[in-house]
Amino acid sequence: GKLLAKGGWDFELIDALKPEPQDLVIEKPRYSGFFNTALDSMLRVRGIRNLVFVGIATNVCVESTLRDGFFLEYFGVALKDACYQAGPIEAQEASLYNIKTFFGWVSDTQSFVDTFETPSSQTLAKTA
């Protein structure tokens, strides 16, 4: 059967990830979110150049979109603990190696969040 096919049991987002009314939703016909979509133009018109990648499958859709973004001069970060591979763990490891070596950066979710916390929010959290 088909995996992640529109209308299938595994296609719908969980409630916590459902798009908000102001969110843009782009359906993609292939593995890369850039292939035959308006993603590039929608990002450029908003001045967005840095992208954070999470999702499935790391070694298929995530890596394909990150690579295509790299070729279009976007800077991509894959959050390794927020991605999951299709196939064995070696597929995940190989994709993360490719990303960090050739196409972008790899981080974990907590390190990424910590990087962008403001000093004032860190101070408030420590005093609370």
C-alpha atoms as a PDB file:
ATOM      1  CA  GLY A   1       0.000   0.000   0.000  1.00  0.00           C
ATOM      2  CA  LYS A   2       0.862   3.661  -0.134  1.00  0.00           C
ATOM      3  CA  LEU A   3       2.543   5.376   2.768  1.00  0.00           C
ATOM      4  CA  LEU A   4       1.813   8.993   3.677  1.00  0.00           C
ATOM      5  CA  ALA A   5      -0.697   9.280   0.834  1.00  0.00           C
ATOM      6  CA  LYS A   6      -3.309  12.025   1.024  1.00  0.00           C
ATOM      7  CA  GLY A   7      -6.424  10.612   2.648  1.00  0.00           C
ATOM      8  CA  GLY A   8      -4.533   7.693   4.198  1.00  0.00           C
ATOM      9  CA  TRP A   9      -4.430   6.858   7.904  1.00  0.00           C
ATOM     10  CA  ASP A  10      -0.859   8.105   8.228  1.00  0.00           C
ATOM     11  CA  PHE A  11      -1.264  11.375   6.315  1.00  0.00           C
ATOM     12  CA  GLU A  12      -3.161  13.536   8.810  1.00  0.00           C
ATOM     13  CA  LEU A  13      -1.298  15.678  11.326  1.00  0.00           C
ATOM     14  CA  ILE A  14      -1.862  15.172  15.023  1.00  0.00           C
ATOM     15  CA  ASP A  15      -3.923  17.925  16.669  1.00  0.00           C
ATOM     16  CA  ALA A  16      -0.865  19.506  18.332  1.00  0.00           C
ATOM     17  CA  LEU A  17       0.669  20.095  14.881  1.00  0.00           C
ATOM     18  CA  LYS A  18      -2.427  21.238  12.987  1.00  0.00           C
ATOM     19  CA  PRO A  19      -1.789  24.478  11.068  1.00  0.00           C
ATOM     20  CA  GLU A  20      -3.085  27.705  12.558  1.00  0.00           C
ATOM     21  CA  PRO A  21      -5.267  29.957  10.357  1.00  0.00           C
ATOM     22  CA  GLN A  22      -2.299  32.246   9.590  1.00  0.00           C
ATOM     23  CA  ASP A  23       0.010  29.337   8.608  1.00  0.00           C
ATOM     24  CA  LEU A  24       0.831  28.643   4.985  1.00  0.00           C
ATOM     25  CA  VAL A  25       0.322  25.045   3.885  1.00  0.00           C
ATOM     26  CA  ILE A  26       2.099  23.802   0.778  1.00  0.00           C
ATOM     27  CA  GLU A  27       1.280  20.388  -0.645  1.00  0.00           C
ATOM     28  CA  LYS A  28       4.220  18.728  -2.350  1.00  0.00           C
ATOM     29  CA  PRO A  29       3.964  16.256  -5.235  1.00  0.00           C
ATOM     30  CA  ARG A  30       7.399  14.674  -4.686  1.00  0.00           C
ATOM     31  CA  TYR A  31       9.962  14.129  -1.931  1.00  0.00           C
ATOM     32  CA  SER A  32      11.361  17.665  -2.007  1.00  0.00           C
ATOM     33  CA  GLY A  33       9.189  20.481  -0.744  1.00  0.00           C
ATOM     34  CA  PHE A  34      10.796  22.711  -3.383  1.00  0.00           C
ATOM     35  CA  PHE A  35       9.960  20.543  -6.419  1.00  0.00           C
ATOM     36  CA  ASN A  36       6.992  21.932  -8.388  1.00  0.00           C
ATOM     37  CA  THR A  37       5.732  24.016  -5.456  1.00  0.00           C
ATOM     38  CA  ALA A  38       5.629  27.706  -4.604  1.00  0.00           C
ATOM     39  CA  LEU A  39       7.817  27.178  -1.514  1.00  0.00           C
ATOM     40  CA  ASP A  40      10.858  29.031  -2.863  1.00  0.00           C
ATOM     41  CA  SER A  41       8.884  32.098  -3.943  1.00  0.00           C
ATOM     42  CA  MET A  42       6.854  32.140  -0.717  1.00  0.00           C
ATOM     43  CA  LEU A  43      10.031  32.098   1.374  1.00  0.00           C
ATOM     44  CA  ARG A  44      11.860  34.673  -0.752  1.00  0.00           C
ATOM     45  CA  VAL A  45       9.007  37.193  -0.721  1.00  0.00           C
ATOM     46  CA  ARG A  46       9.091  37.008   3.091  1.00  0.00           C
ATOM     47  CA  GLY A  47      12.883  37.323   3.276  1.00  0.00           C
ATOM     48  CA  ILE A  48      13.271  33.894   4.880  1.00  0.00           C
ATOM     49  CA  ARG A  49      16.691  32.312   4.285  1.00  0.00           C
ATOM     50  CA  ASN A  50      17.136  30.023   7.302  1.00  0.00           C
ATOM     51  CA  LEU A  51      15.119  26.820   7.534  1.00  0.00           C
ATOM     52  CA  VAL A  52      14.663  24.278  10.323  1.00  0.00           C
ATOM     53  CA  PHE A  53      13.875  20.722   9.256  1.00  0.00           C
ATOM     54  CA  VAL A  54      11.909  18.138  11.222  1.00  0.00           C
ATOM     55  CA  GLY A  55       9.739  15.263  10.091  1.00  0.00           C
ATOM     56  CA  ILE A  56       9.752  11.995   8.244  1.00  0.00           C
ATOM     57  CA  ALA A  57      11.563  10.500   6.491  1.00  0.00           C
ATOM     58  CA  THR A  58      15.005  11.952   7.218  1.00  0.00           C
ATOM     59  CA  ASN A  59      16.650  10.006   4.408  1.00  0.00           C
ATOM     60  CA  VAL A  60      13.960  10.804   1.848  1.00  0.00           C
ATOM     61  CA  CYS A  61      11.801  13.931   2.213  1.00  0.00           C
ATOM     62  CA  VAL A  62      13.799  15.831   4.833  1.00  0.00           C
ATOM     63  CA  GLU A  63      17.162  15.364   3.121  1.00  0.00           C
ATOM     64  CA  SER A  64      15.708  15.994  -0.359  1.00  0.00           C
ATOM     65  CA  THR A  65      14.120  19.282   0.697  1.00  0.00           C
ATOM     66  CA  LEU A  66      17.197  20.390   2.641  1.00  0.00           C
ATOM     67  CA  ARG A  67      19.468  19.598  -0.343  1.00  0.00           C
ATOM     68  CA  ASP A  68      17.244  21.476  -2.781  1.00  0.00           C
ATOM     69  CA  GLY A  69      17.135  24.377  -0.342  1.00  0.00           C
ATOM     70  CA  PHE A  70      20.938  24.366  -0.189  1.00  0.00           C
ATOM     71  CA  PHE A  71      21.103  24.606  -3.992  1.00  0.00           C
ATOM     72  CA  LEU A  72      18.750  27.599  -3.785  1.00  0.00           C
ATOM     73  CA  GLU A  73      20.978  29.269  -1.145  1.00  0.00           C
ATOM     74  CA  TYR A  74      18.921  28.516   1.948  1.00  0.00           C
ATOM     75  CA  PHE A  75      20.651  27.597   5.194  1.00  0.00           C
ATOM     76  CA  GLY A  76      19.141  24.442   6.672  1.00  0.00           C
ATOM     77  CA  VAL A  77      19.350  22.888  10.124  1.00  0.00           C
ATOM     78  CA  ALA A  78      18.009  19.370  10.680  1.00  0.00           C
ATOM     79  CA  LEU A  79      16.929  18.589  14.238  1.00  0.00           C
ATOM     80  CA  LYS A  80      18.031  14.973  14.545  1.00  0.00           C
ATOM     81  CA  ASP A  81      15.732  14.067  17.428  1.00  0.00           C
ATOM     82  CA  ALA A  82      12.707  15.504  15.605  1.00  0.00           C
ATOM     83  CA  CYS A  83      13.249  13.449  12.443  1.00  0.00           C
ATOM     84  CA  TYR A  84      12.708   9.768  11.738  1.00  0.00           C
ATOM     85  CA  GLN A  85      14.099   7.661   8.932  1.00  0.00           C
ATOM     86  CA  ALA A  86      12.480   5.294   6.473  1.00  0.00           C
ATOM     87  CA  GLY A  87      14.282   2.000   7.025  1.00  0.00           C
ATOM     88  CA  PRO A  88      17.092   1.083   9.414  1.00  0.00           C
ATOM     89  CA  ILE A  89      18.876   3.527  11.724  1.00  0.00           C
ATOM     90  CA  GLU A  90      21.858   3.500   9.345  1.00  0.00           C
ATOM     91  CA  ALA A  91      19.694   5.421   6.865  1.00  0.00           C
ATOM     92  CA  GLN A  92      19.192   8.159   9.479  1.00  0.00           C
ATOM     93  CA  GLU A  93      22.896   8.240  10.315  1.00  0.00           C
ATOM     94  CA  ALA A  94      23.893   8.448   6.633  1.00  0.00           C
ATOM     95  CA  SER A  95      21.471  11.301   5.950  1.00  0.00           C
ATOM     96  CA  LEU A  96      22.584  13.270   8.991  1.00  0.00           C
ATOM     97  CA  TYR A  97      26.204  12.739   7.928  1.00  0.00           C
ATOM     98  CA  ASN A  98      25.423  14.031   4.417  1.00  0.00           C
ATOM     99  CA  ILE A  99      23.574  17.033   5.793  1.00  0.00           C
ATOM    100  CA  LYS A 100      26.239  18.119   8.280  1.00  0.00           C
ATOM    101  CA  THR A 101      29.129  17.413   5.901  1.00  0.00           C
ATOM    102  CA  PHE A 102      27.798  18.836   2.649  1.00  0.00           C
ATOM    103  CA  PHE A 103      24.472  20.671   2.853  1.00  0.00           C
ATOM    104  CA  GLY A 104      23.736  22.259   6.208  1.00  0.00           C
ATOM    105  CA  TRP A 105      23.834  21.720   9.931  1.00  0.00           C
ATOM    106  CA  VAL A 106      22.560  19.117  12.366  1.00  0.00           C
ATOM    107  CA  SER A 107      21.470  19.833  15.927  1.00  0.00           C
ATOM    108  CA  ASP A 108      19.198  18.374  18.558  1.00  0.00           C
ATOM    109  CA  THR A 109      16.013  20.122  19.636  1.00  0.00           C
ATOM    110  CA  GLN A 110      17.161  21.235  23.082  1.00  0.00           C
ATOM    111  CA  SER A 111      20.467  22.695  21.841  1.00  0.00           C
ATOM    112  CA  PHE A 112      18.595  24.529  19.092  1.00  0.00           C
ATOM    113  CA  VAL A 113      16.072  25.991  21.540  1.00  0.00           C
ATOM    114  CA  ASP A 114      18.842  26.924  23.996  1.00  0.00           C
ATOM    115  CA  THR A 115      20.689  28.801  21.246  1.00  0.00           C
ATOM    116  CA  PHE A 116      17.719  31.069  20.627  1.00  0.00           C
ATOM    117  CA  GLU A 117      16.599  31.693  24.183  1.00  0.00           C
ATOM    118  CA  THR A 118      17.126  35.298  25.168  1.00  0.00           C
ATOM    119  CA  PRO A 119      19.226  36.090  28.240  1.00  0.00           C
ATOM    120  CA  SER A 120      16.184  37.662  29.909  1.00  0.00           C
ATOM    121  CA  SER A 121      14.076  34.512  29.482  1.00  0.00           C
ATOM    122  CA  GLN A 122      16.928  32.382  30.861  1.00  0.00           C
ATOM    123  CA  THR A 123      17.173  34.693  33.870  1.00  0.00           C
ATOM    124  CA  LEU A 124      13.409  34.547  34.454  1.00  0.00           C
ATOM    125  CA  ALA A 125      13.431  30.762  34.237  1.00  0.00           C
ATOM    126  CA  LYS A 126      16.231  30.506  36.795  1.00  0.00           C
ATOM    127  CA  THR A 127      14.548  32.875  39.263  1.00  0.00           C
ATOM    128  CA  ALA A 128      11.077  31.322  39.024  1.00  0.00           C
END
